[in-house]
Protein backbone atom coordinates (compact mmCIF):
# COMPACT_ATOMS: atom_id res chain seq x y z
CA MET A 1 63.51 -4.56 26.70
CA ASP A 2 65.90 -2.35 24.92
CA ALA A 3 63.03 -0.67 22.61
CA ARG A 4 60.86 -0.26 25.69
CA PHE A 5 63.37 1.30 27.79
CA ALA A 6 64.27 3.79 25.04
CA ALA A 7 60.87 4.62 24.51
CA MET A 8 60.28 5.63 28.47
CA ASP A 9 63.99 7.46 28.40
CA ALA A 10 62.77 10.84 27.21
CA ASN A 11 66.13 12.79 27.90
CA ARG A 12 68.28 9.79 26.19
CA ASP A 13 70.74 9.38 29.37
CA GLY A 14 70.52 5.52 29.45
CA ARG A 15 68.83 5.86 32.94
CA LEU A 16 65.05 6.24 33.98
CA SER A 17 64.29 9.05 36.35
CA ARG A 18 61.28 8.76 38.59
CA ASP A 19 59.59 11.48 36.46
CA GLU A 20 60.02 9.46 33.30
CA VAL A 21 58.16 6.28 34.60
CA LYS A 22 55.63 8.59 36.55
CA ASP A 23 52.86 7.04 34.39
CA LYS A 24 54.14 3.66 33.56
CA GLY A 25 52.15 1.34 36.14
CA ARG A 26 54.33 -1.08 37.61
CA PHE A 27 57.59 0.61 36.85
CA ALA A 28 56.37 3.70 39.08
CA GLU A 29 54.85 1.43 41.76
CA ARG A 30 58.25 -0.34 42.13
CA PHE A 31 60.73 2.27 41.45
CA ASP A 32 62.24 2.28 44.88
CA ALA A 33 62.51 -1.58 44.92
CA LEU A 34 63.93 -1.68 41.49
CA ASP A 35 66.44 1.20 42.34
CA THR A 36 68.93 -0.77 44.04
CA ASN A 37 72.11 1.54 44.41
CA LYS A 38 69.40 4.33 45.43
CA ASP A 39 70.55 6.71 43.16
CA GLY A 40 67.19 7.92 41.90
CA ALA A 41 67.41 6.47 38.72
CA LEU A 42 66.91 2.76 37.17
CA SER A 43 69.49 1.71 34.93
CA LYS A 44 68.98 -1.48 32.40
CA ASP A 45 70.63 -3.69 34.71
CA GLU A 46 68.42 -2.78 37.57
CA LEU A 47 65.54 -3.51 35.50
CA VAL A 48 66.61 -6.64 34.32
CA ALA A 49 67.66 -7.78 37.93
CA GLY A 50 64.28 -6.62 39.06
CA ARG A 51 62.34 -8.64 36.61
CA PRO A 52 59.93 -11.63 37.96
CA VAL A 53 61.15 -15.07 36.93
CA ARG A 54 58.70 -16.37 34.30
CA LYS A 55 57.89 -20.12 34.46
């Protein structure tokens, strides 16, 4: 997850903006649901919490 997050974090601020994920498929589609604190950016914690549970 860390490498993938870093690759998407174009400005290296430790958060993913809507613009940074706009071409990233499911991240873009689920942005509003993943952004649980509604600050307009996704943190690593929000991404981890929003991951589907794998069986």
